[in-house]
């Protein structure tokens, strides 16, 4: 059974980059960026649209 994927202007995705210790942030607008630290990752996501 496949669950539907959430959508909307407040849905953020964070993916672990396999084989690394990096995280990939995906904003609801489609912008993506990789980070080493989760704190700046969340700052970037929540500051939308600044920095995109």
Protein backbone atom coordinates (compact mmCIF):
# COMPACT_ATOMS: atom_id res chain seq x y z
CA UNK A 1 0.00 0.00 0.00
CA UNK A 2 1.42 3.37 -1.04
CA UNK A 3 0.68 6.41 1.07
CA UNK A 4 0.00 9.74 -0.65
CA UNK A 5 2.78 12.31 -0.44
CA UNK A 6 2.03 15.54 1.40
CA UNK A 7 2.02 18.72 -0.65
CA UNK A 8 1.51 22.39 0.11
CA UNK A 9 3.33 25.60 0.90
CA UNK A 10 4.49 24.38 4.32
CA UNK A 11 5.87 20.95 3.41
CA UNK A 12 9.63 20.63 3.75
CA UNK A 13 11.69 17.54 3.04
CA UNK A 14 15.05 16.57 4.45
CA UNK A 15 16.98 13.69 2.94
CA UNK A 16 20.13 12.06 4.17
CA UNK A 17 22.63 11.88 1.30
CA UNK A 18 23.64 8.20 1.19
CA UNK A 19 27.29 7.48 1.81
CA UNK A 20 27.87 10.90 3.39
CA UNK A 21 27.05 12.76 6.57
CA UNK A 22 25.29 15.53 4.60
CA UNK A 23 21.61 16.46 4.54
CA UNK A 24 19.67 17.72 1.52
CA UNK A 25 16.89 20.19 2.24
CA UNK A 26 14.03 20.56 -0.23
CA UNK A 27 11.78 23.58 0.17
CA UNK A 28 8.12 23.60 -0.82
CA UNK A 29 9.08 25.92 -3.72
CA UNK A 30 11.39 23.25 -5.15
CA UNK A 31 14.69 24.86 -4.11
CA UNK A 32 17.30 22.37 -2.84
CA UNK A 33 20.53 22.77 -0.90
CA UNK A 34 22.91 20.44 0.98
CA UNK A 35 24.11 21.04 4.53
CA UNK A 36 26.54 19.51 7.02
CA UNK A 37 24.62 20.82 10.04
CA UNK A 38 20.86 20.63 10.69
CA UNK A 39 20.69 24.08 12.35
CA UNK A 40 21.58 26.14 9.25
CA UNK A 41 19.44 23.72 7.21
CA UNK A 42 16.34 24.63 9.22
CA UNK A 43 17.27 28.32 9.24
CA UNK A 44 17.46 28.23 5.43
CA UNK A 45 14.16 26.37 5.06
CA UNK A 46 12.24 28.57 7.49
CA UNK A 47 13.63 31.83 6.05
CA UNK A 48 11.81 31.21 2.74
CA UNK A 49 12.05 32.99 0.32
CA UNK A 50 15.30 34.62 1.56
CA UNK A 51 18.38 32.76 0.34
CA UNK A 52 16.55 30.81 -2.34
